[in-house]
Amino acid sequence: MTKEEFRAALDELSLSQMEVARLLKISDRAARRYASGDAEIPGPVEMMLRLWLEIPEMIDVVRRLGAEANKRGGSK
């Protein structure tokens, strides 16, 4: 996935770099580096973005699971 594809995916999914970082449990800095082309986009990040592009409802599932984990006091 290129930096242009990464940015286009975020745009299509209406995700900010900060939100995608939170959802994927990566640093904000990593998301910025992917968007700028300063770092290669890892396979799992690309795979998740492509899954979300195919099935956008999955983003809500990830958001819900993250919120539930936060309520329990965990990050898993």
C-alpha atoms as a PDB file:
ATOM      1  CA  MET A   1       0.000   0.000   0.000  1.00  0.00           C
ATOM      2  CA  THR A   2       1.370   3.380  -0.971  1.00  0.00           C
ATOM      3  CA  LYS A   3       1.111   6.544   1.102  1.00  0.00           C
ATOM      4  CA  GLU A   4      -1.461   7.812  -1.419  1.00  0.00           C
ATOM      5  CA  GLU A   5      -3.542   4.652  -0.996  1.00  0.00           C
ATOM      6  CA  PHE A   6      -3.239   4.952   2.779  1.00  0.00           C
ATOM      7  CA  ARG A   7      -4.461   8.547   2.754  1.00  0.00           C
ATOM      8  CA  ALA A   8      -7.235   7.712   0.257  1.00  0.00           C
ATOM      9  CA  ALA A   9      -8.407   4.839   2.467  1.00  0.00           C
ATOM     10  CA  LEU A  10      -8.585   7.139   5.489  1.00  0.00           C
ATOM     11  CA  ASP A  11     -10.517   9.701   3.444  1.00  0.00           C
ATOM     12  CA  GLU A  12     -12.960   7.104   2.116  1.00  0.00           C
ATOM     13  CA  LEU A  13     -13.480   5.711   5.613  1.00  0.00           C
ATOM     14  CA  SER A  14     -13.734   9.201   7.164  1.00  0.00           C
ATOM     15  CA  LEU A  15     -10.945   8.364   9.605  1.00  0.00           C
ATOM     16  CA  SER A  16      -8.343  10.769  10.902  1.00  0.00           C
ATOM     17  CA  GLN A  17      -4.757   9.650  11.377  1.00  0.00           C
ATOM     18  CA  MET A  18      -5.305   9.873  15.140  1.00  0.00           C
ATOM     19  CA  GLU A  19      -8.402   7.689  15.043  1.00  0.00           C
ATOM     20  CA  VAL A  20      -6.859   5.050  12.807  1.00  0.00           C
ATOM     21  CA  ALA A  21      -3.877   4.957  15.169  1.00  0.00           C
ATOM     22  CA  ARG A  22      -6.188   4.435  18.132  1.00  0.00           C
ATOM     23  CA  LEU A  23      -8.258   1.756  16.378  1.00  0.00           C
ATOM     24  CA  LEU A  24      -5.186  -0.138  15.167  1.00  0.00           C
ATOM     25  CA  LYS A  25      -3.304   0.368  18.443  1.00  0.00           C
ATOM     26  CA  ILE A  26      -0.376   2.031  16.730  1.00  0.00           C
ATOM     27  CA  SER A  27       1.209   5.344  17.639  1.00  0.00           C
ATOM     28  CA  ASP A  28      -0.013   8.621  16.175  1.00  0.00           C
ATOM     29  CA  ARG A  29       3.551   9.082  14.939  1.00  0.00           C
ATOM     30  CA  ALA A  30       3.400   5.790  13.018  1.00  0.00           C
ATOM     31  CA  ALA A  31       0.165   6.844  11.293  1.00  0.00           C
ATOM     32  CA  ARG A  32       1.731  10.191  10.353  1.00  0.00           C
ATOM     33  CA  ARG A  33       4.805   8.413   8.990  1.00  0.00           C
ATOM     34  CA  TYR A  34       2.660   6.073   6.867  1.00  0.00           C
ATOM     35  CA  ALA A  35       0.711   9.027   5.477  1.00  0.00           C
ATOM     36  CA  SER A  36       3.875  10.959   4.641  1.00  0.00           C
ATOM     37  CA  GLY A  37       5.689   7.999   3.135  1.00  0.00           C
ATOM     38  CA  ASP A  38       8.442   8.151   5.760  1.00  0.00           C
ATOM     39  CA  ALA A  39       7.668   4.573   6.833  1.00  0.00           C
ATOM     40  CA  GLU A  40       6.478   1.506   4.972  1.00  0.00           C
ATOM     41  CA  ILE A  41       2.915   0.505   5.808  1.00  0.00           C
ATOM     42  CA  PRO A  42       3.003  -2.884   7.562  1.00  0.00           C
ATOM     43  CA  GLY A  43       1.019  -5.754   6.111  1.00  0.00           C
ATOM     44  CA  PRO A  44      -1.426  -6.015   9.050  1.00  0.00           C
ATOM     45  CA  VAL A  45      -2.248  -2.285   8.826  1.00  0.00           C
ATOM     46  CA  GLU A  46      -2.835  -2.571   5.092  1.00  0.00           C
ATOM     47  CA  MET A  47      -4.934  -5.695   5.562  1.00  0.00           C
ATOM     48  CA  MET A  48      -7.167  -4.043   8.163  1.00  0.00           C
ATOM     49  CA  LEU A  49      -7.686  -0.924   6.049  1.00  0.00           C
ATOM     50  CA  ARG A  50      -8.565  -3.034   3.007  1.00  0.00           C
ATOM     51  CA  LEU A  51     -10.989  -5.080   5.126  1.00  0.00           C
ATOM     52  CA  TRP A  52     -12.633  -1.894   6.361  1.00  0.00           C
ATOM     53  CA  LEU A  53     -12.921  -0.630   2.783  1.00  0.00           C
ATOM     54  CA  GLU A  54     -14.693  -3.872   1.831  1.00  0.00           C
ATOM     55  CA  ILE A  55     -16.814  -4.043   4.986  1.00  0.00           C
ATOM     56  CA  PRO A  56     -17.035  -0.551   6.518  1.00  0.00           C
ATOM     57  CA  GLU A  57     -19.330  -1.806   9.306  1.00  0.00           C
ATOM     58  CA  MET A  58     -16.284  -3.534  10.785  1.00  0.00           C
ATOM     59  CA  ILE A  59     -14.970  -0.169  11.952  1.00  0.00           C
ATOM     60  CA  ASP A  60     -17.923   0.092  14.339  1.00  0.00           C
ATOM     61  CA  VAL A  61     -17.151  -3.395  15.667  1.00  0.00           C
ATOM     62  CA  VAL A  62     -13.548  -2.371  16.376  1.00  0.00           C
ATOM     63  CA  ARG A  63     -14.721   0.847  18.034  1.00  0.00           C
ATOM     64  CA  ARG A  64     -17.141  -1.097  20.228  1.00  0.00           C
ATOM     65  CA  LEU A  65     -14.544  -3.675  21.216  1.00  0.00           C
ATOM     66  CA  GLY A  66     -12.072  -0.922  22.074  1.00  0.00           C
ATOM     67  CA  ALA A  67     -14.644   0.863  24.212  1.00  0.00           C
ATOM     68  CA  GLU A  68     -15.464  -2.371  26.040  1.00  0.00           C
ATOM     69  CA  ALA A  69     -11.776  -3.028  26.695  1.00  0.00           C
ATOM     70  CA  ASN A  70     -11.365   0.506  28.046  1.00  0.00           C
ATOM     71  CA  LYS A  71     -14.314  -0.010  30.403  1.00  0.00           C
ATOM     72  CA  ARG A  72     -12.660  -3.150  31.745  1.00  0.00           C
ATOM     73  CA  GLY A  73      -9.455  -1.184  32.220  1.00  0.00           C
ATOM     74  CA  GLY A  74      -7.516  -3.207  29.680  1.00  0.00           C
ATOM     75  CA  SER A  75      -6.015  -2.461  26.319  1.00  0.00           C
ATOM     76  CA  LYS A  76      -6.488  -5.889  24.759  1.00  0.00           C
END
